Amino acid sequence: MRKELTILLILISAFMVIGCTGYDSGDQEPVPENGGEAQPNAAELYEQITQEDNYKEWGIWPGFVELSEGKDIHGELITIYVSDNAFTAIEDKEDVMPDGSIIVKEGYNPDEELERVLVMYKVKDYDPENNDWFWALYSPQGEVTTEGKVAGCIDCHSANEDNDYLFTGDLS
């Protein structure tokens, strides 16, 4: 009887060890919560818009010029660059920016020194309650200051929810 009990305890222990260690799935990335889409990352976005697809070669928001008059937190002077798909949406009055649209606003002081870089990036299913905008703020050197579902950005821009959270110009 004692021998059978010992064997039973060994078997139970073996099953517990196997169960507790779990299955090793290798180096798989966890599945993001937003339906499998990768979550945006401000550092990667900055690399994309400065290295891979230099935003300074994009169009400037129609009706604006470099160092236009700015207001509020954005800078006393601003330059607003828009990705090609965003530029097309503006010109065609598409009502909303398409997924993948990027708006880069450079904020300058009165001496025309860059103080900040602000980015709105439209990411499918990222934040449906707030039109799927990912917000990022960078220092002039490209260091991430703020990113994500930034309450201050959302609170302000939600006043223009009917224009896809944009104040710069009408989309319809």
C-alpha atoms as a PDB file:
ATOM      1  CA  MET A   1       0.000   0.000   0.000  1.00  0.00           C
ATOM      2  CA  ARG A   2       2.797   2.356   0.878  1.00  0.00           C
ATOM      3  CA  LYS A   3       4.504   1.682  -2.478  1.00  0.00           C
ATOM      4  CA  GLU A   4       1.289   2.461  -4.395  1.00  0.00           C
ATOM      5  CA  LEU A   5       0.836   5.706  -2.454  1.00  0.00           C
ATOM      6  CA  THR A   6       4.408   6.745  -3.261  1.00  0.00           C
ATOM      7  CA  ILE A   7       3.870   6.066  -6.985  1.00  0.00           C
ATOM      8  CA  LEU A   8       0.597   7.998  -6.907  1.00  0.00           C
ATOM      9  CA  LEU A   9       2.280  10.984  -5.237  1.00  0.00           C
ATOM     10  CA  ILE A  10       5.090  10.927  -7.806  1.00  0.00           C
ATOM     11  CA  LEU A  11       2.571  10.900 -10.675  1.00  0.00           C
ATOM     12  CA  ILE A  12       0.557  13.739  -9.151  1.00  0.00           C
ATOM     13  CA  SER A  13       3.745  15.752  -8.607  1.00  0.00           C
ATOM     14  CA  ALA A  14       4.826  15.173 -12.203  1.00  0.00           C
ATOM     15  CA  PHE A  15       1.473  16.374 -13.561  1.00  0.00           C
ATOM     16  CA  MET A  16       1.597  19.429 -11.305  1.00  0.00           C
ATOM     17  CA  VAL A  17       5.087  20.347 -12.492  1.00  0.00           C
ATOM     18  CA  ILE A  18       4.041  19.980 -16.136  1.00  0.00           C
ATOM     19  CA  GLY A  19       0.869  21.990 -15.532  1.00  0.00           C
ATOM     20  CA  CYS A  20       2.650  24.775 -13.664  1.00  0.00           C
ATOM     21  CA  THR A  21       5.420  25.240 -16.180  1.00  0.00           C
ATOM     22  CA  GLY A  22       2.929  25.622 -19.033  1.00  0.00           C
ATOM     23  CA  TYR A  23       3.499  25.429 -22.726  1.00  0.00           C
ATOM     24  CA  ASP A  24       6.441  27.369 -24.121  1.00  0.00           C
ATOM     25  CA  SER A  25       5.173  29.155 -27.199  1.00  0.00           C
ATOM     26  CA  GLY A  26       8.574  30.522 -28.094  1.00  0.00           C
ATOM     27  CA  ASP A  27       9.202  34.185 -28.867  1.00  0.00           C
ATOM     28  CA  GLN A  28       5.680  35.034 -29.987  1.00  0.00           C
ATOM     29  CA  GLU A  29       4.443  38.566 -29.408  1.00  0.00           C
ATOM     30  CA  PRO A  30       1.321  38.932 -27.284  1.00  0.00           C
ATOM     31  CA  VAL A  31      -1.832  39.629 -29.274  1.00  0.00           C
ATOM     32  CA  PRO A  32      -2.809  43.290 -28.885  1.00  0.00           C
ATOM     33  CA  GLU A  33      -6.219  44.111 -27.450  1.00  0.00           C
ATOM     34  CA  ASN A  34      -7.379  46.080 -30.498  1.00  0.00           C
ATOM     35  CA  GLY A  35      -8.146  43.161 -32.772  1.00  0.00           C
ATOM     36  CA  GLY A  36      -4.604  42.129 -33.585  1.00  0.00           C
ATOM     37  CA  GLU A  37      -3.307  45.532 -34.652  1.00  0.00           C
ATOM     38  CA  ALA A  38       0.047  46.524 -33.199  1.00  0.00           C
ATOM     39  CA  GLN A  39      -0.178  49.280 -30.598  1.00  0.00           C
ATOM     40  CA  PRO A  40       1.405  52.550 -31.712  1.00  0.00           C
ATOM     41  CA  ASN A  41       4.653  53.592 -30.099  1.00  0.00           C
ATOM     42  CA  ALA A  42       5.839  57.206 -30.105  1.00  0.00           C
ATOM     43  CA  ALA A  43       9.550  56.386 -30.389  1.00  0.00           C
ATOM     44  CA  GLU A  44       8.923  54.117 -33.386  1.00  0.00           C
ATOM     45  CA  LEU A  45       6.591  56.699 -34.917  1.00  0.00           C
ATOM     46  CA  TYR A  46       9.264  59.379 -34.604  1.00  0.00           C
ATOM     47  CA  GLU A  47      11.769  57.142 -36.355  1.00  0.00           C
ATOM     48  CA  GLN A  48       9.227  56.475 -39.092  1.00  0.00           C
ATOM     49  CA  ILE A  49       8.454  60.157 -39.729  1.00  0.00           C
ATOM     50  CA  THR A  50      12.046  61.367 -39.525  1.00  0.00           C
ATOM     51  CA  GLN A  51      14.100  58.490 -40.934  1.00  0.00           C
ATOM     52  CA  GLU A  52      11.916  56.307 -43.155  1.00  0.00           C
ATOM     53  CA  ASP A  53       9.502  58.935 -44.513  1.00  0.00           C
ATOM     54  CA  ASN A  54      10.810  62.402 -43.639  1.00  0.00           C
ATOM     55  CA  TYR A  55       7.805  64.529 -42.728  1.00  0.00           C
ATOM     56  CA  LYS A  56       9.623  67.706 -43.795  1.00  0.00           C
ATOM     57  CA  GLU A  57       9.165  66.507 -47.374  1.00  0.00           C
ATOM     58  CA  TRP A  58       5.376  66.233 -46.937  1.00  0.00           C
ATOM     59  CA  GLY A  59       2.916  68.920 -47.907  1.00  0.00           C
ATOM     60  CA  ILE A  60       2.027  71.726 -45.542  1.00  0.00           C
ATOM     61  CA  TRP A  61      -1.620  71.915 -44.490  1.00  0.00           C
ATOM     62  CA  PRO A  62      -3.420  73.803 -47.283  1.00  0.00           C
ATOM     63  CA  GLY A  63      -3.831  77.480 -46.464  1.00  0.00           C
ATOM     64  CA  PHE A  64      -0.878  77.511 -44.081  1.00  0.00           C
ATOM     65  CA  VAL A  65       2.770  78.394 -44.609  1.00  0.00           C
ATOM     66  CA  GLU A  66       5.895  77.675 -42.638  1.00  0.00           C
ATOM     67  CA  LEU A  67       5.897  79.523 -39.326  1.00  0.00           C
ATOM     68  CA  SER A  68       2.230  80.496 -39.391  1.00  0.00           C
ATOM     69  CA  GLU A  69       0.770  82.148 -36.313  1.00  0.00           C
ATOM     70  CA  GLY A  70      -0.001  79.562 -33.645  1.00  0.00           C
ATOM     71  CA  LYS A  71      -1.848  79.558 -30.355  1.00  0.00           C
ATOM     72  CA  ASP A  72      -2.162  77.819 -27.023  1.00  0.00           C
ATOM     73  CA  ILE A  73       0.220  75.000 -26.170  1.00  0.00           C
ATOM     74  CA  HIS A  74       1.241  74.321 -29.770  1.00  0.00           C
ATOM     75  CA  GLY A  75       3.582  77.295 -30.126  1.00  0.00           C
ATOM     76  CA  GLU A  76       3.442  80.962 -31.042  1.00  0.00           C
ATOM     77  CA  LEU A  77       4.571  79.988 -34.529  1.00  0.00           C
ATOM     78  CA  ILE A  78       3.683  76.678 -36.149  1.00  0.00           C
ATOM     79  CA  THR A  79       4.352  74.640 -39.265  1.00  0.00           C
ATOM     80  CA  ILE A  80       1.877  71.838 -39.973  1.00  0.00           C
ATOM     81  CA  TYR A  81       2.958  68.948 -42.197  1.00  0.00           C
ATOM     82  CA  VAL A  82       0.503  66.279 -43.349  1.00  0.00           C
ATOM     83  CA  SER A  83       1.100  62.831 -44.803  1.00  0.00           C
ATOM     84  CA  ASP A  84       0.017  62.260 -48.405  1.00  0.00           C
ATOM     85  CA  ASN A  85      -3.209  60.463 -47.458  1.00  0.00           C
ATOM     86  CA  ALA A  86      -4.101  63.239 -45.004  1.00  0.00           C
ATOM     87  CA  PHE A  87      -3.369  65.908 -47.621  1.00  0.00           C
ATOM     88  CA  THR A  88      -5.694  64.168 -50.081  1.00  0.00           C
ATOM     89  CA  ALA A  89      -8.436  63.921 -47.424  1.00  0.00           C
ATOM     90  CA  ILE A  90      -8.138  67.656 -46.751  1.00  0.00           C
ATOM     91  CA  GLU A  91      -8.256  68.626 -50.418  1.00  0.00           C
ATOM     92  CA  ASP A  92     -11.116  66.214 -51.217  1.00  0.00           C
ATOM     93  CA  LYS A  93     -13.130  67.238 -48.112  1.00  0.00           C
ATOM     94  CA  GLU A  94     -13.472  63.597 -47.013  1.00  0.00           C
ATOM     95  CA  ASP A  95     -15.080  64.412 -43.597  1.00  0.00           C
ATOM     96  CA  VAL A  96     -12.583  62.232 -41.696  1.00  0.00           C
ATOM     97  CA  MET A  97      -8.928  61.425 -42.061  1.00  0.00           C
ATOM     98  CA  PRO A  98      -8.198  57.908 -43.316  1.00  0.00           C
ATOM     99  CA  ASP A  99      -6.396  55.376 -41.152  1.00  0.00           C
ATOM    100  CA  GLY A 100      -2.662  55.923 -41.299  1.00  0.00           C
ATOM    101  CA  SER A 101      -2.971  59.710 -41.589  1.00  0.00           C
ATOM    102  CA  ILE A 102      -0.262  61.643 -39.780  1.00  0.00           C
ATOM    103  CA  ILE A 103      -0.278  65.325 -38.878  1.00  0.00           C
ATOM    104  CA  VAL A 104       2.975  66.821 -37.583  1.00  0.00           C
ATOM    105  CA  LYS A 105       2.850  70.255 -35.990  1.00  0.00           C
ATOM    106  CA  GLU A 106       6.131  71.945 -35.163  1.00  0.00           C
ATOM    107  CA  GLY A 107       5.810  74.574 -32.425  1.00  0.00           C
ATOM    108  CA  TYR A 108       8.236  77.499 -32.388  1.00  0.00           C
ATOM    109  CA  ASN A 109       8.862  80.435 -30.078  1.00  0.00           C
ATOM    110  CA  PRO A 110       8.855  84.044 -31.412  1.00  0.00           C
ATOM    111  CA  ASP A 111      12.595  83.727 -32.171  1.00  0.00           C
ATOM    112  CA  GLU A 112      11.719  80.868 -34.554  1.00  0.00           C
ATOM    113  CA  GLU A 113      13.402  78.262 -32.358  1.00  0.00           C
ATOM    114  CA  LEU A 114      11.755  74.838 -32.366  1.00  0.00           C
ATOM    115  CA  GLU A 115      10.289  74.086 -28.942  1.00  0.00           C
ATOM    116  CA  ARG A 116       8.179  70.982 -29.551  1.00  0.00           C
ATOM    117  CA  VAL A 117       6.884  68.566 -32.159  1.00  0.00           C
ATOM    118  CA  LEU A 118       3.271  67.414 -31.823  1.00  0.00           C
ATOM    119  CA  VAL A 119       1.881  64.469 -33.770  1.00  0.00           C
ATOM    120  CA  MET A 120      -1.605  63.101 -34.396  1.00  0.00           C
ATOM    121  CA  TYR A 121      -1.577  59.621 -35.927  1.00  0.00           C
ATOM    122  CA  LYS A 122      -4.813  57.915 -37.009  1.00  0.00           C
ATOM    123  CA  VAL A 123      -4.640  54.213 -36.078  1.00  0.00           C
ATOM    124  CA  LYS A 124      -7.481  51.838 -36.944  1.00  0.00           C
ATOM    125  CA  ASP A 125      -9.304  50.611 -33.818  1.00  0.00           C
ATOM    126  CA  TYR A 126      -6.800  52.318 -31.494  1.00  0.00           C
ATOM    127  CA  ASP A 127      -9.279  54.555 -29.659  1.00  0.00           C
ATOM    128  CA  PRO A 128     -12.726  54.436 -31.304  1.00  0.00           C
ATOM    129  CA  GLU A 129     -14.246  56.686 -28.635  1.00  0.00           C
ATOM    130  CA  ASN A 130     -11.907  59.478 -29.758  1.00  0.00           C
ATOM    131  CA  ASN A 131     -11.768  58.910 -33.531  1.00  0.00           C
ATOM    132  CA  ASP A 132      -8.745  56.569 -33.245  1.00  0.00           C
ATOM    133  CA  TRP A 133      -6.141  59.293 -32.809  1.00  0.00           C
ATOM    134  CA  PHE A 134      -2.806  58.429 -31.205  1.00  0.00           C
ATOM    135  CA  TRP A 135      -1.184  61.546 -29.740  1.00  0.00           C
ATOM    136  CA  ALA A 136       2.540  62.167 -29.296  1.00  0.00           C
ATOM    137  CA  LEU A 137       4.609  65.096 -28.077  1.00  0.00           C
ATOM    138  CA  TYR A 138       8.359  65.287 -28.609  1.00  0.00           C
ATOM    139  CA  SER A 139      11.170  67.569 -27.552  1.00  0.00           C
ATOM    140  CA  PRO A 140      13.095  69.349 -30.336  1.00  0.00           C
ATOM    141  CA  GLN A 141      15.633  66.499 -30.096  1.00  0.00           C
ATOM    142  CA  GLY A 142      12.945  63.872 -30.683  1.00  0.00           C
ATOM    143  CA  GLU A 143      12.634  62.612 -27.124  1.00  0.00           C
ATOM    144  CA  VAL A 144       9.138  61.376 -26.303  1.00  0.00           C
ATOM    145  CA  THR A 145       7.497  63.686 -23.778  1.00  0.00           C
ATOM    146  CA  THR A 146       3.935  62.349 -23.907  1.00  0.00           C
ATOM    147  CA  GLU A 147       2.191  59.641 -25.916  1.00  0.00           C
ATOM    148  CA  GLY A 148      -0.967  57.629 -26.274  1.00  0.00           C
ATOM    149  CA  LYS A 149      -4.499  58.573 -25.322  1.00  0.00           C
ATOM    150  CA  VAL A 150      -3.426  61.920 -23.888  1.00  0.00           C
ATOM    151  CA  ALA A 151      -6.287  63.344 -21.825  1.00  0.00           C
ATOM    152  CA  GLY A 152      -5.298  66.986 -22.354  1.00  0.00           C
ATOM    153  CA  CYS A 153      -5.191  66.571 -26.136  1.00  0.00           C
ATOM    154  CA  ILE A 154      -8.435  64.610 -26.246  1.00  0.00           C
ATOM    155  CA  ASP A 155     -10.270  67.008 -23.918  1.00  0.00           C
ATOM    156  CA  CYS A 156      -9.361  70.007 -26.049  1.00  0.00           C
ATOM    157  CA  HIS A 157      -9.755  68.447 -29.494  1.00  0.00           C
ATOM    158  CA  SER A 158     -13.037  66.708 -28.635  1.00  0.00           C
ATOM    159  CA  ALA A 159     -14.632  70.156 -28.888  1.00  0.00           C
ATOM    160  CA  ASN A 160     -14.195  69.652 -32.647  1.00  0.00           C
ATOM    161  CA  GLU A 161     -15.332  66.029 -32.738  1.00  0.00           C
ATOM    162  CA  ASP A 162     -17.517  66.739 -35.788  1.00  0.00           C
ATOM    163  CA  ASN A 163     -14.383  67.717 -37.724  1.00  0.00           C
ATOM    164  CA  ASP A 164     -12.407  64.574 -36.768  1.00  0.00           C
ATOM    165  CA  TYR A 165     -10.888  66.342 -33.737  1.00  0.00           C
ATOM    166  CA  LEU A 166      -9.142  68.897 -35.963  1.00  0.00           C
ATOM    167  CA  PHE A 167      -9.134  72.683 -35.599  1.00  0.00           C
ATOM    168  CA  THR A 168      -6.807  73.511 -38.478  1.00  0.00           C
ATOM    169  CA  GLY A 169      -9.358  73.401 -41.283  1.00  0.00           C
ATOM    170  CA  ASP A 170     -12.732  71.956 -42.224  1.00  0.00           C
ATOM    171  CA  LEU A 171     -12.775  68.434 -43.612  1.00  0.00           C
ATOM    172  CA  SER A 172     -16.244  68.735 -45.131  1.00  0.00           C
END
